[in-house]
PDB file of N, CA and C in Angstrom:
ATOM      1  N   MET A   1      37.492 -26.724   4.544  1.00  0.00           N
ATOM      2  CA  MET A   1      37.520 -25.594   4.937  1.00  0.00           C
ATOM      3  C   MET A   1      36.173 -25.107   5.189  1.00  0.00           C
ATOM      4  N   ALA A   2      35.093 -25.365   4.210  1.00  0.00           N
ATOM      5  CA  ALA A   2      33.620 -24.835   4.867  1.00  0.00           C
ATOM      6  C   ALA A   2      33.601 -26.019   5.876  1.00  0.00           C
ATOM      7  N   GLN A   3      33.590 -27.278   6.035  1.00  0.00           N
ATOM      8  CA  GLN A   3      33.501 -27.641   7.889  1.00  0.00           C
ATOM      9  C   GLN A   3      33.947 -27.107   8.709  1.00  0.00           C
ATOM     10  N   ILE A   4      35.207 -26.865   8.608  1.00  0.00           N
ATOM     11  CA  ILE A   4      36.301 -26.103   9.799  1.00  0.00           C
ATOM     12  C   ILE A   4      35.472 -24.727   9.954  1.00  0.00           C
ATOM     13  N   ARG A   5      34.937 -24.114   9.088  1.00  0.00           N
ATOM     14  CA  ARG A   5      34.297 -22.806   9.241  1.00  0.00           C
ATOM     15  C   ARG A   5      32.798 -22.903  10.107  1.00  0.00           C
ATOM     16  N   GLN A   6      32.095 -23.993   9.408  1.00  0.00           N
ATOM     17  CA  GLN A   6      30.520 -24.579  10.034  1.00  0.00           C
ATOM     18  C   GLN A   6      30.745 -24.664  11.451  1.00  0.00           C
ATOM     19  N   LYS A   7      31.911 -25.404  11.844  1.00  0.00           N
ATOM     20  CA  LYS A   7      32.233 -26.214  13.230  1.00  0.00           C
ATOM     21  C   LYS A   7      32.367 -25.128  13.860  1.00  0.00           C
ATOM     22  N   SER A   8      33.164 -24.009  13.718  1.00  0.00           N
ATOM     23  CA  SER A   8      33.547 -23.050  14.323  1.00  0.00           C
ATOM     24  C   SER A   8      32.555 -22.182  14.702  1.00  0.00           C
ATOM     25  N   TYR A   9      31.191 -22.444  13.729  1.00  0.00           N
ATOM     26  CA  TYR A   9      30.124 -21.279  14.030  1.00  0.00           C
ATOM     27  C   TYR A   9      29.220 -22.212  15.254  1.00  0.00           C
ATOM     28  N   ALA A  10      29.291 -23.041  15.223  1.00  0.00           N
ATOM     29  CA  ALA A  10      28.559 -24.219  15.922  1.00  0.00           C
ATOM     30  C   ALA A  10      28.845 -24.066  16.988  1.00  0.00           C
ATOM     31  N   ASN A  11      29.886 -24.240  17.319  1.00  0.00           N
ATOM     32  CA  ASN A  11      30.734 -24.329  18.898  1.00  0.00           C
ATOM     33  C   ASN A  11      30.732 -23.256  19.567  1.00  0.00           C
ATOM     34  N   VAL A  12      30.716 -21.831  18.954  1.00  0.00           N
ATOM     35  CA  VAL A  12      30.368 -20.713  19.762  1.00  0.00           C
ATOM     36  C   VAL A  12      28.838 -20.704  20.510  1.00  0.00           C
ATOM     37  N   ARG A  13      27.975 -21.107  20.035  1.00  0.00           N
ATOM     38  CA  ARG A  13      26.813 -21.055  20.675  1.00  0.00           C
ATOM     39  C   ARG A  13      26.550 -22.323  21.904  1.00  0.00           C
ATOM     40  N   ARG A  14      27.519 -23.774  21.325  1.00  0.00           N
ATOM     41  CA  ARG A  14      27.628 -24.704  22.376  1.00  0.00           C
ATOM     42  C   ARG A  14      28.125 -24.515  23.741  1.00  0.00           C
ATOM     43  N   LYS A  15      27.158 -25.230  24.629  1.00  0.00           N
ATOM     44  CA  LYS A  15      27.984 -24.871  25.960  1.00  0.00           C
ATOM     45  C   LYS A  15      27.929 -26.493  26.578  1.00  0.00           C
ATOM     46  N   ASN A  16      28.899 -26.937  27.768  1.00  0.00           N
ATOM     47  CA  ASN A  16      28.986 -28.117  28.341  1.00  0.00           C
ATOM     48  C   ASN A  16      27.794 -27.466  29.621  1.00  0.00           C
ATOM     49  N   LEU A  17      26.841 -28.687  29.294  1.00  0.00           N
ATOM     50  CA  LEU A  17      25.680 -28.428  30.740  1.00  0.00           C
ATOM     51  C   LEU A  17      26.350 -29.185  31.885  1.00  0.00           C
ATOM     52  N   GLU A  18      26.047 -28.861  33.014  1.00  0.00           N
ATOM     53  CA  GLU A  18      26.616 -30.049  34.347  1.00  0.00           C
ATOM     54  C   GLU A  18      25.060 -29.294  35.135  1.00  0.00           C
ATOM     55  N   PHE A  19      24.496 -30.738  35.828  1.00  0.00           N
ATOM     56  CA  PHE A  19      23.119 -30.713  36.666  1.00  0.00           C
ATOM     57  C   PHE A  19      23.916 -31.252  38.025  1.00  0.00           C
ATOM     58  N   LYS A  20      23.381 -30.699  38.785  1.00  0.00           N
ATOM     59  CA  LYS A  20      23.929 -31.111  40.222  1.00  0.00           C
ATOM     60  C   LYS A  20      22.264 -31.608  40.985  1.00  0.00           C
ATOM     61  N   THR A  21      22.448 -32.820  42.234  1.00  0.00           N
ATOM     62  CA  THR A  21      21.265 -33.124  42.709  1.00  0.00           C
ATOM     63  C   THR A  21      20.709 -32.196  42.998  1.00  0.00           C
ATOM     64  N   GLY A  22      19.328 -32.054  43.133  1.00  0.00           N
ATOM     65  CA  GLY A  22      18.321 -31.126  43.441  1.00  0.00           C
ATOM     66  C   GLY A  22      17.844 -29.984  42.455  1.00  0.00           C
ATOM     67  N   GLU A  23      18.530 -29.880  41.510  1.00  0.00           N
ATOM     68  CA  GLU A  23      17.655 -29.026  40.975  1.00  0.00           C
ATOM     69  C   GLU A  23      17.274 -28.704  39.589  1.00  0.00           C
ATOM     70  N   LYS A  24      16.169 -28.612  39.178  1.00  0.00           N
ATOM     71  CA  LYS A  24      15.150 -28.355  38.119  1.00  0.00           C
ATOM     72  C   LYS A  24      15.180 -28.044  36.878  1.00  0.00           C
ATOM     73  N   ILE A  25      14.808 -29.270  35.974  1.00  0.00           N
ATOM     74  CA  ILE A  25      15.520 -28.652  34.496  1.00  0.00           C
ATOM     75  C   ILE A  25      14.197 -29.090  33.886  1.00  0.00           C
ATOM     76  N   PHE A  26      14.304 -28.428  32.544  1.00  0.00           N
ATOM     77  CA  PHE A  26      13.281 -28.946  31.516  1.00  0.00           C
ATOM     78  C   PHE A  26      13.598 -29.270  30.552  1.00  0.00           C
ATOM     79  N   LEU A  27      12.882 -30.468  30.080  1.00  0.00           N
ATOM     80  CA  LEU A  27      13.516 -31.242  28.723  1.00  0.00           C
ATOM     81  C   LEU A  27      12.596 -30.333  27.808  1.00  0.00           C
ATOM     82  N   LYS A  28      13.537 -30.590  26.633  1.00  0.00           N
ATOM     83  CA  LYS A  28      13.078 -29.911  25.044  1.00  0.00           C
ATOM     84  C   LYS A  28      12.613 -31.452  24.565  1.00  0.00           C
ATOM     85  N   VAL A  29      11.290 -30.964  23.857  1.00  0.00           N
ATOM     86  CA  VAL A  29      10.513 -32.361  23.427  1.00  0.00           C
ATOM     87  C   VAL A  29      10.850 -32.139  22.060  1.00  0.00           C
ATOM     88  N   ALA A  30      11.294 -32.869  21.068  1.00  0.00           N
ATOM     89  CA  ALA A  30      11.109 -33.356  19.652  1.00  0.00           C
ATOM     90  C   ALA A  30       9.913 -33.342  18.773  1.00  0.00           C
ATOM     91  N   PRO A  31       9.820 -32.310  17.848  1.00  0.00           N
ATOM     92  CA  PRO A  31       8.038 -32.573  17.944  1.00  0.00           C
ATOM     93  C   PRO A  31       8.087 -33.297  16.320  1.00  0.00           C
ATOM     94  N   MET A  32       7.149 -34.252  16.042  1.00  0.00           N
ATOM     95  CA  MET A  32       6.967 -35.232  15.318  1.00  0.00           C
ATOM     96  C   MET A  32       6.032 -35.157  14.289  1.00  0.00           C
ATOM     97  N   ARG A  33       6.006 -34.854  13.171  1.00  0.00           N
ATOM     98  CA  ARG A  33       4.677 -34.676  12.315  1.00  0.00           C
ATOM     99  C   ARG A  33       3.709 -35.430  12.391  1.00  0.00           C
ATOM    100  N   GLY A  34       2.458 -35.585  12.698  1.00  0.00           N
ATOM    101  CA  GLY A  34       1.400 -36.207  12.637  1.00  0.00           C
ATOM    102  C   GLY A  34       1.132 -36.736  14.137  1.00  0.00           C
ATOM    103  N   VAL A  35       2.142 -36.282  14.905  1.00  0.00           N
ATOM    104  CA  VAL A  35       1.918 -37.391  16.285  1.00  0.00           C
ATOM    105  C   VAL A  35       0.921 -35.994  17.115  1.00  0.00           C
ATOM    106  N   LEU A  36      -0.191 -36.964  17.897  1.00  0.00           N
ATOM    107  CA  LEU A  36      -0.906 -35.966  19.004  1.00  0.00           C
ATOM    108  C   LEU A  36      -0.069 -36.108  20.066  1.00  0.00           C
ATOM    109  N   ARG A  37       0.567 -35.352  20.749  1.00  0.00           N
ATOM    110  CA  ARG A  37       1.285 -35.068  21.838  1.00  0.00           C
ATOM    111  C   ARG A  37       0.385 -34.457  22.826  1.00  0.00           C
ATOM    112  N   PHE A  38       0.221 -34.333  24.070  1.00  0.00           N
ATOM    113  CA  PHE A  38      -0.126 -33.681  24.765  1.00  0.00           C
ATOM    114  C   PHE A  38      -1.585 -33.323  25.177  1.00  0.00           C
ATOM    115  N   GLY A  39      -2.300 -33.661  23.944  1.00  0.00           N
ATOM    116  CA  GLY A  39      -3.389 -33.584  23.581  1.00  0.00           C
ATOM    117  C   GLY A  39      -3.766 -32.386  22.529  1.00  0.00           C
ATOM    118  N   ARG A  40      -2.223 -32.349  21.980  1.00  0.00           N
ATOM    119  CA  ARG A  40      -2.248 -30.684  21.642  1.00  0.00           C
ATOM    120  C   ARG A  40      -1.593 -31.479  20.049  1.00  0.00           C
ATOM    121  N   LYS A  41      -2.447 -30.389  18.944  1.00  0.00           N
ATOM    122  CA  LYS A  41      -1.504 -30.853  17.824  1.00  0.00           C
ATOM    123  C   LYS A  41      -1.113 -29.218  16.989  1.00  0.00           C
ATOM    124  N   GLY A  42      -0.011 -29.518  15.914  1.00  0.00           N
ATOM    125  CA  GLY A  42       0.514 -28.423  15.759  1.00  0.00           C
ATOM    126  C   GLY A  42       1.451 -27.462  16.267  1.00  0.00           C
ATOM    127  N   LYS A  43       0.889 -25.984  16.133  1.00  0.00           N
ATOM    128  CA  LYS A  43       1.928 -24.792  16.680  1.00  0.00           C
ATOM    129  C   LYS A  43       2.104 -25.025  17.955  1.00  0.00           C
ATOM    130  N   LEU A  44       0.435 -25.219  18.633  1.00  0.00           N
ATOM    131  CA  LEU A  44       0.532 -25.396  20.059  1.00  0.00           C
ATOM    132  C   LEU A  44       0.751 -26.504  20.840  1.00  0.00           C
ATOM    133  N   ILE A  45       1.523 -27.395  20.120  1.00  0.00           N
ATOM    134  CA  ILE A  45       2.137 -28.606  21.181  1.00  0.00           C
ATOM    135  C   ILE A  45       3.521 -27.828  22.389  1.00  0.00           C
ATOM    136  N   PRO A  46       3.548 -28.194  23.451  1.00  0.00           N
ATOM    137  CA  PRO A  46       4.519 -27.634  23.890  1.00  0.00           C
ATOM    138  C   PRO A  46       6.116 -27.927  23.498  1.00  0.00           C
ATOM    139  N   ARG A  47       6.971 -26.972  23.379  1.00  0.00           N
ATOM    140  CA  ARG A  47       8.537 -27.423  23.081  1.00  0.00           C
ATOM    141  C   ARG A  47       8.987 -28.014  24.073  1.00  0.00           C
ATOM    142  N   PHE A  48       8.958 -27.540  25.469  1.00  0.00           N
ATOM    143  CA  PHE A  48       9.428 -28.270  26.948  1.00  0.00           C
ATOM    144  C   PHE A  48       8.207 -28.515  27.672  1.00  0.00           C
ATOM    145  N   ILE A  49       9.194 -29.838  28.319  1.00  0.00           N
ATOM    146  CA  ILE A  49       8.082 -30.762  29.258  1.00  0.00           C
ATOM    147  C   ILE A  49       8.787 -30.366  30.840  1.00  0.00           C
ATOM    148  N   GLY A  50       8.589 -30.548  31.775  1.00  0.00           N
ATOM    149  CA  GLY A  50       9.008 -30.102  33.245  1.00  0.00           C
ATOM    150  C   GLY A  50       8.302 -29.403  33.930  1.00  0.00           C
ATOM    151  N   PRO A  51       8.691 -29.208  35.249  1.00  0.00           N
ATOM    152  CA  PRO A  51      10.085 -29.357  35.460  1.00  0.00           C
ATOM    153  C   PRO A  51      10.349 -30.851  35.972  1.00  0.00           C
ATOM    154  N   PHE A  52      11.136 -31.329  35.789  1.00  0.00           N
ATOM    155  CA  PHE A  52      11.844 -32.341  36.299  1.00  0.00           C
ATOM    156  C   PHE A  52      12.745 -32.061  37.352  1.00  0.00           C
ATOM    157  N   GLU A  53      13.154 -32.794  38.691  1.00  0.00           N
ATOM    158  CA  GLU A  53      14.442 -32.622  39.174  1.00  0.00           C
ATOM    159  C   GLU A  53      15.144 -33.568  39.383  1.00  0.00           C
ATOM    160  N   ILE A  54      16.244 -33.295  39.119  1.00  0.00           N
ATOM    161  CA  ILE A  54      17.598 -34.279  38.848  1.00  0.00           C
ATOM    162  C   ILE A  54      17.932 -34.876  40.287  1.00  0.00           C
ATOM    163  N   CYS A  55      18.197 -36.312  40.198  1.00  0.00           N
ATOM    164  CA  CYS A  55      18.258 -36.749  41.484  1.00  0.00           C
ATOM    165  C   CYS A  55      19.150 -37.972  41.242  1.00  0.00           C
ATOM    166  N   PRO A  56      19.718 -38.576  42.129  1.00  0.00           N
ATOM    167  CA  PRO A  56      21.508 -39.395  41.584  1.00  0.00           C
ATOM    168  C   PRO A  56      20.713 -40.807  41.283  1.00  0.00           C
ATOM    169  N   HIS A  57      21.414 -41.538  40.619  1.00  0.00           N
ATOM    170  CA  HIS A  57      20.944 -42.975  40.070  1.00  0.00           C
ATOM    171  C   HIS A  57      22.000 -43.558  39.979  1.00  0.00           C
ATOM    172  N   VAL A  58      22.522 -44.597  40.745  1.00  0.00           N
ATOM    173  CA  VAL A  58      23.424 -45.910  40.416  1.00  0.00           C
ATOM    174  C   VAL A  58      22.745 -47.140  39.619  1.00  0.00           C
ATOM    175  N   VAL A  59      23.843 -47.041  38.540  1.00  0.00           N
ATOM    176  CA  VAL A  59      23.351 -48.681  37.826  1.00  0.00           C
ATOM    177  C   VAL A  59      24.082 -49.868  38.241  1.00  0.00           C
ATOM    178  N   ASP A  60      23.184 -50.678  38.510  1.00  0.00           N
ATOM    179  CA  ASP A  60      24.224 -51.733  38.979  1.00  0.00           C
ATOM    180  C   ASP A  60      24.398 -52.594  38.003  1.00  0.00           C
ATOM    181  N   PHE A  61      25.994 -53.127  37.700  1.00  0.00           N
ATOM    182  CA  PHE A  61      25.850 -53.039  36.451  1.00  0.00           C
ATOM    183  C   PHE A  61      26.617 -54.612  36.305  1.00  0.00           C
ATOM    184  N   GLU A  62      25.904 -55.628  35.617  1.00  0.00           N
ATOM    185  CA  GLU A  62      26.281 -56.833  35.437  1.00  0.00           C
ATOM    186  C   GLU A  62      27.037 -57.252  34.022  1.00  0.00           C
ATOM    187  N   PRO A  63      28.017 -57.686  33.814  1.00  0.00           N
ATOM    188  CA  PRO A  63      27.921 -58.186  32.555  1.00  0.00           C
ATOM    189  C   PRO A  63      27.465 -58.932  31.674  1.00  0.00           C
ATOM    190  N   LEU A  64      26.676 -58.757  30.220  1.00  0.00           N
ATOM    191  CA  LEU A  64      26.254 -59.779  29.947  1.00  0.00           C
ATOM    192  C   LEU A  64      27.209 -60.655  29.215  1.00  0.00           C
ATOM    193  N   GLN A  65      26.550 -62.059  28.841  1.00  0.00           N
ATOM    194  CA  GLN A  65      27.094 -63.406  28.001  1.00  0.00           C
ATOM    195  C   GLN A  65      27.040 -62.662  26.604  1.00  0.00           C
ATOM    196  N   LEU A  66      27.779 -62.670  25.862  1.00  0.00           N
ATOM    197  CA  LEU A  66      27.209 -62.885  24.547  1.00  0.00           C
ATOM    198  C   LEU A  66      27.938 -63.443  23.460  1.00  0.00           C
ATOM    199  N   ASN A  67      27.368 -63.834  22.410  1.00  0.00           N
ATOM    200  CA  ASN A  67      27.718 -64.683  21.540  1.00  0.00           C
ATOM    201  C   ASN A  67      28.730 -63.817  20.774  1.00  0.00           C
ATOM    202  N   GLU A  68      29.351 -64.953  20.085  1.00  0.00           N
ATOM    203  CA  GLU A  68      30.246 -64.773  18.782  1.00  0.00           C
ATOM    204  C   GLU A  68      29.728 -63.201  17.920  1.00  0.00           C
ATOM    205  N   ASN A  69      28.485 -63.271  17.478  1.00  0.00           N
ATOM    206  CA  ASN A  69      27.790 -62.217  16.909  1.00  0.00           C
ATOM    207  C   ASN A  69      27.199 -61.131  17.510  1.00  0.00           C
ATOM    208  N   LEU A  70      27.533 -60.793  18.676  1.00  0.00           N
ATOM    209  CA  LEU A  70      27.027 -59.769  19.918  1.00  0.00           C
ATOM    210  C   LEU A  70      25.834 -59.774  19.942  1.00  0.00           C
ATOM    211  N   SER A  71      25.223 -60.923  20.010  1.00  0.00           N
ATOM    212  CA  SER A  71      23.494 -61.251  20.338  1.00  0.00           C
ATOM    213  C   SER A  71      23.662 -61.676  21.999  1.00  0.00           C
ATOM    214  N   TYR A  72      22.836 -61.707  22.398  1.00  0.00           N
ATOM    215  CA  TYR A  72      22.511 -62.563  23.743  1.00  0.00           C
ATOM    216  C   TYR A  72      21.098 -63.726  23.716  1.00  0.00           C
ATOM    217  N   GLU A  73      20.955 -64.503  24.361  1.00  0.00           N
ATOM    218  CA  GLU A  73      20.335 -65.198  24.237  1.00  0.00           C
ATOM    219  C   GLU A  73      19.014 -65.359  25.369  1.00  0.00           C
ATOM    220  N   TRP A  74      17.707 -65.532  24.998  1.00  0.00           N
ATOM    221  CA  TRP A  74      16.319 -65.577  25.870  1.00  0.00           C
ATOM    222  C   TRP A  74      16.422 -66.992  26.172  1.00  0.00           C
ATOM    223  N   LYS A  75      16.081 -67.243  27.427  1.00  0.00           N
ATOM    224  CA  LYS A  75      15.483 -68.675  27.440  1.00  0.00           C
ATOM    225  C   LYS A  75      14.187 -68.766  28.256  1.00  0.00           C
ATOM    226  N   PRO A  76      13.334 -69.519  27.520  1.00  0.00           N
ATOM    227  CA  PRO A  76      12.043 -69.771  28.794  1.00  0.00           C
ATOM    228  C   PRO A  76      12.353 -70.335  29.838  1.00  0.00           C
ATOM    229  N   VAL A  77      12.008 -69.675  30.967  1.00  0.00           N
ATOM    230  CA  VAL A  77      11.664 -70.076  31.630  1.00  0.00           C
ATOM    231  C   VAL A  77      10.351 -71.296  32.066  1.00  0.00           C
ATOM    232  N   ARG A  78       9.272 -70.474  32.205  1.00  0.00           N
ATOM    233  CA  ARG A  78       7.788 -71.454  32.202  1.00  0.00           C
ATOM    234  C   ARG A  78       6.657 -70.644  31.611  1.00  0.00           C
ATOM    235  N   ILE A  79       5.692 -71.660  31.161  1.00  0.00           N
ATOM    236  CA  ILE A  79       4.386 -71.050  30.783  1.00  0.00           C
ATOM    237  C   ILE A  79       3.595 -70.661  31.640  1.00  0.00           C
ATOM    238  N   LEU A  80       3.295 -69.387  31.612  1.00  0.00           N
ATOM    239  CA  LEU A  80       2.411 -68.436  32.449  1.00  0.00           C
ATOM    240  C   LEU A  80       0.801 -69.145  32.335  1.00  0.00           C
ATOM    241  N   ALA A  81       0.060 -68.728  31.196  1.00  0.00           N
ATOM    242  CA  ALA A  81      -0.850 -69.125  30.458  1.00  0.00           C
ATOM    243  C   ALA A  81      -1.160 -69.506  28.987  1.00  0.00           C
ATOM    244  N   ARG A  82      -2.796 -69.985  28.869  1.00  0.00           N
ATOM    245  CA  ARG A  82      -2.646 -70.610  27.537  1.00  0.00           C
ATOM    246  C   ARG A  82      -4.170 -69.506  27.187  1.00  0.00           C
ATOM    247  N   GLU A  83      -4.236 -69.580  25.720  1.00  0.00           N
ATOM    248  CA  GLU A  83      -5.197 -68.942  25.350  1.00  0.00           C
ATOM    249  C   GLU A  83      -5.602 -68.826  23.789  1.00  0.00           C
ATOM    250  N   VAL A  84      -6.705 -69.518  23.321  1.00  0.00           N
ATOM    251  CA  VAL A  84      -7.220 -69.774  22.195  1.00  0.00           C
ATOM    252  C   VAL A  84      -8.107 -68.571  21.448  1.00  0.00           C
ATOM    253  N   LYS A  85      -7.414 -68.248  20.244  1.00  0.00           N
ATOM    254  CA  LYS A  85      -8.107 -67.131  19.401  1.00  0.00           C
ATOM    255  C   LYS A  85      -8.517 -67.784  18.478  1.00  0.00           C
ATOM    256  N   MET A  86      -9.451 -67.240  18.251  1.00  0.00           N
ATOM    257  CA  MET A  86     -10.345 -68.068  17.018  1.00  0.00           C
ATOM    258  C   MET A  86     -10.086 -66.613  15.466  1.00  0.00           C
ATOM    259  N   LEU A  87      -9.775 -67.102  14.354  1.00  0.00           N
ATOM    260  CA  LEU A  87      -9.868 -66.196  13.765  1.00  0.00           C
ATOM    261  C   LEU A  87     -10.591 -66.883  12.157  1.00  0.00           C
ATOM    262  N   TYR A  88     -11.807 -66.033  12.719  1.00  0.00           N
ATOM    263  CA  TYR A  88     -12.784 -66.724  11.441  1.00  0.00           C
ATOM    264  C   TYR A  88     -13.358 -68.214  11.535  1.00  0.00           C
ATOM    265  N   SER A  89     -12.690 -69.351  11.177  1.00  0.00           N
ATOM    266  CA  SER A  89     -12.756 -70.564  11.372  1.00  0.00           C
ATOM    267  C   SER A  89     -11.406 -71.491  11.369  1.00  0.00           C
ATOM    268  N   LYS A  90     -10.655 -70.610  11.943  1.00  0.00           N
ATOM    269  CA  LYS A  90      -9.431 -71.213  12.180  1.00  0.00           C
ATOM    270  C   LYS A  90      -9.289 -70.868  13.837  1.00  0.00           C
ATOM    271  N   GLU A  91      -8.545 -71.836  14.376  1.00  0.00           N
ATOM    272  CA  GLU A  91      -8.525 -71.955  16.056  1.00  0.00           C
ATOM    273  C   GLU A  91      -6.996 -71.492  16.367  1.00  0.00           C
ATOM    274  N   ILE A  92      -6.167 -70.782  16.682  1.00  0.00           N
ATOM    275  CA  ILE A  92      -4.887 -70.238  16.888  1.00  0.00           C
ATOM    276  C   ILE A  92      -4.541 -70.556  18.640  1.00  0.00           C
ATOM    277  N   THR A  93      -3.554 -71.759  18.887  1.00  0.00           N
ATOM    278  CA  THR A  93      -3.531 -71.566  20.245  1.00  0.00           C
ATOM    279  C   THR A  93      -2.382 -71.189  21.027  1.00  0.00           C
ATOM    280  N   LEU A  94      -2.444 -69.848  21.589  1.00  0.00           N
ATOM    281  CA  LEU A  94      -1.140 -69.216  21.884  1.00  0.00           C
ATOM    282  C   LEU A  94      -0.425 -69.518  23.576  1.00  0.00           C
ATOM    283  N   VAL A  95       0.685 -69.557  24.277  1.00  0.00           N
ATOM    284  CA  VAL A  95       0.718 -69.263  25.160  1.00  0.00           C
ATOM    285  C   VAL A  95       1.723 -68.331  25.554  1.00  0.00           C
ATOM    286  N   LYS A  96       1.364 -67.802  27.070  1.00  0.00           N
ATOM    287  CA  LYS A  96       2.218 -66.906  27.620  1.00  0.00           C
ATOM    288  C   LYS A  96       3.465 -67.579  28.396  1.00  0.00           C
ATOM    289  N   VAL A  97       4.518 -67.132  27.244  1.00  0.00           N
ATOM    290  CA  VAL A  97       5.671 -67.892  28.010  1.00  0.00           C
ATOM    291  C   VAL A  97       6.652 -66.597  28.857  1.00  0.00           C
ATOM    292  N   LEU A  98       7.397 -67.243  29.824  1.00  0.00           N
ATOM    293  CA  LEU A  98       8.337 -66.072  30.644  1.00  0.00           C
ATOM    294  C   LEU A  98       9.753 -66.264  30.362  1.00  0.00           C
ATOM    295  N   TRP A  99      10.405 -65.553  29.640  1.00  0.00           N
ATOM    296  CA  TRP A  99      11.949 -65.456  29.299  1.00  0.00           C
ATOM    297  C   TRP A  99      12.759 -64.658  30.202  1.00  0.00           C
ATOM    298  N   GLN A 100      13.920 -65.408  30.131  1.00  0.00           N
ATOM    299  CA  GLN A 100      14.937 -64.383  30.910  1.00  0.00           C
ATOM    300  C   GLN A 100      16.009 -64.861  30.139  1.00  0.00           C
ATOM    301  N   ASN A 101      16.739 -63.338  30.554  1.00  0.00           N
ATOM    302  CA  ASN A 101      18.514 -63.468  29.851  1.00  0.00           C
ATOM    303  C   ASN A 101      19.134 -63.126  31.301  1.00  0.00           C
ATOM    304  N   ASN A 102      20.262 -62.540  31.333  1.00  0.00           N
ATOM    305  CA  ASN A 102      21.050 -62.529  32.774  1.00  0.00           C
ATOM    306  C   ASN A 102      20.201 -61.723  33.190  1.00  0.00           C
ATOM    307  N   GLN A 103      19.907 -60.777  32.939  1.00  0.00           N
ATOM    308  CA  GLN A 103      19.071 -59.495  34.204  1.00  0.00           C
ATOM    309  C   GLN A 103      17.669 -59.674  33.948  1.00  0.00           C
ATOM    310  N   PHE A 104      16.930 -59.626  33.108  1.00  0.00           N
ATOM    311  CA  PHE A 104      15.839 -59.205  33.098  1.00  0.00           C
ATOM    312  C   PHE A 104      15.083 -60.580  32.594  1.00  0.00           C
ATOM    313  N   ARG A 105      13.502 -60.361  32.734  1.00  0.00           N
ATOM    314  CA  ARG A 105      12.788 -61.228  32.761  1.00  0.00           C
ATOM    315  C   ARG A 105      11.513 -60.351  31.871  1.00  0.00           C
ATOM    316  N   ARG A 106      10.819 -61.035  31.070  1.00  0.00           N
ATOM    317  CA  ARG A 106       9.820 -60.869  30.441  1.00  0.00           C
ATOM    318  C   ARG A 106       8.538 -61.625  29.772  1.00  0.00           C
ATOM    319  N   ALA A 107       7.190 -61.228  29.662  1.00  0.00           N
ATOM    320  CA  ALA A 107       6.697 -62.363  29.327  1.00  0.00           C
ATOM    321  C   ALA A 107       6.009 -62.111  28.163  1.00  0.00           C
ATOM    322  N   ILE A 108       5.964 -62.667  26.817  1.00  0.00           N
ATOM    323  CA  ILE A 108       5.494 -62.694  25.935  1.00  0.00           C
ATOM    324  C   ILE A 108       4.228 -63.875  25.173  1.00  0.00           C
ATOM    325  N   TRP A 109       3.474 -63.379  24.573  1.00  0.00           N
ATOM    326  CA  TRP A 109       2.429 -64.330  23.710  1.00  0.00           C
ATOM    327  C   TRP A 109       3.345 -65.011  22.525  1.00  0.00           C
ATOM    328  N   GLU A 110       3.404 -66.336  22.738  1.00  0.00           N
ATOM    329  CA  GLU A 110       4.116 -67.068  21.521  1.00  0.00           C
ATOM    330  C   GLU A 110       2.847 -68.238  20.751  1.00  0.00           C
ATOM    331  N   GLY A 111       3.113 -68.678  19.711  1.00  0.00           N
ATOM    332  CA  GLY A 111       2.355 -69.675  19.006  1.00  0.00           C
ATOM    333  C   GLY A 111       2.720 -70.935  20.018  1.00  0.00           C
ATOM    334  N   GLU A 112       1.751 -71.810  20.291  1.00  0.00           N
ATOM    335  CA  GLU A 112       1.925 -72.916  20.896  1.00  0.00           C
ATOM    336  C   GLU A 112       2.829 -73.913  20.109  1.00  0.00           C
ATOM    337  N   ASP A 113       2.352 -73.871  19.123  1.00  0.00           N
ATOM    338  CA  ASP A 113       2.812 -75.151  17.888  1.00  0.00           C
ATOM    339  C   ASP A 113       4.467 -75.031  17.669  1.00  0.00           C
ATOM    340  N   GLU A 114       5.070 -73.062  17.716  1.00  0.00           N
ATOM    341  CA  GLU A 114       6.422 -73.305  17.859  1.00  0.00           C
ATOM    342  C   GLU A 114       7.067 -73.934  18.865  1.00  0.00           C
ATOM    343  N   MET A 115       6.822 -73.131  20.006  1.00  0.00           N
ATOM    344  CA  MET A 115       7.275 -73.369  21.414  1.00  0.00           C
ATOM    345  C   MET A 115       7.012 -74.892  21.274  1.00  0.00           C
ATOM    346  N   ARG A 116       6.147 -75.475  21.128  1.00  0.00           N
ATOM    347  CA  ARG A 116       6.162 -77.094  20.974  1.00  0.00           C
ATOM    348  C   ARG A 116       7.490 -77.653  20.762  1.00  0.00           C
ATOM    349  N   THR A 117       7.724 -76.873  19.511  1.00  0.00           N
ATOM    350  CA  THR A 117       8.763 -77.807  18.715  1.00  0.00           C
ATOM    351  C   THR A 117      10.181 -76.958  19.216  1.00  0.00           C
ATOM    352  N   GLN A 118      10.350 -76.397  19.643  1.00  0.00           N
ATOM    353  CA  GLN A 118      11.962 -75.609  20.214  1.00  0.00           C
ATOM    354  C   GLN A 118      11.942 -76.259  21.173  1.00  0.00           C
ATOM    355  N   TYR A 119      10.999 -76.105  22.396  1.00  0.00           N
ATOM    356  CA  TYR A 119      11.165 -76.366  23.929  1.00  0.00           C
ATOM    357  C   TYR A 119      10.204 -77.005  24.120  1.00  0.00           C
ATOM    358  N   SER A 120      10.251 -78.364  23.585  1.00  0.00           N
ATOM    359  CA  SER A 120       9.090 -79.422  24.267  1.00  0.00           C
ATOM    360  C   SER A 120       9.251 -79.428  25.967  1.00  0.00           C
ATOM    361  N   GLU A 121      10.578 -79.265  26.769  1.00  0.00           N
ATOM    362  CA  GLU A 121      10.536 -79.690  28.205  1.00  0.00           C
ATOM    363  C   GLU A 121       9.604 -78.647  28.821  1.00  0.00           C
ATOM    364  N   LEU A 122       9.182 -77.812  28.160  1.00  0.00           N
ATOM    365  CA  LEU A 122       8.203 -77.023  28.843  1.00  0.00           C
ATOM    366  C   LEU A 122       6.986 -77.509  29.129  1.00  0.00           C
ATOM    367  N   PHE A 123       6.573 -78.257  28.589  1.00  0.00           N
ATOM    368  CA  PHE A 123       5.074 -78.692  28.341  1.00  0.00           C
ATOM    369  C   PHE A 123       5.195 -80.533  28.892  1.00  0.00           C
ATOM    370  N   GLN A 124       5.880 -80.534  29.699  1.00  0.00           N
ATOM    371  CA  GLN A 124       6.160 -81.931  30.252  1.00  0.00           C
ATOM    372  C   GLN A 124       4.878 -81.860  31.501  1.00  0.00           C
ATOM    373  N   GLU A 125       5.017 -81.047  32.271  1.00  0.00           N
ATOM    374  CA  GLU A 125       4.261 -80.928  33.490  1.00  0.00           C
ATOM    375  C   GLU A 125       2.505 -81.051  33.220  1.00  0.00           C
TER     376      GLU A 125
END
């Protein structure tokens, strides 16, 4: 009964928001403790930012090919760069690998030794 009562109190203040293209809105920023936002700290940080204009956005959807455990694979396309980092007396060789899944591409620095063992075909060239 208490949950039903509290729900009815909360729903009185709640309203569905609908926006039209071209309208301007402010976005509420949730305060986070210890985060310096907009160059201010504490009570002086803004609670709302904006105004932002509403514009239409159409998302082009392509379905992902998911594995049985609902994950998807990133496949390496090619190596973009190679770099050697010095840690005191140890040298670590890194390669920048271009990864791709169905829709996206991204480049990440990986350890060369791991990449050579898992994807030796990238180093044939």
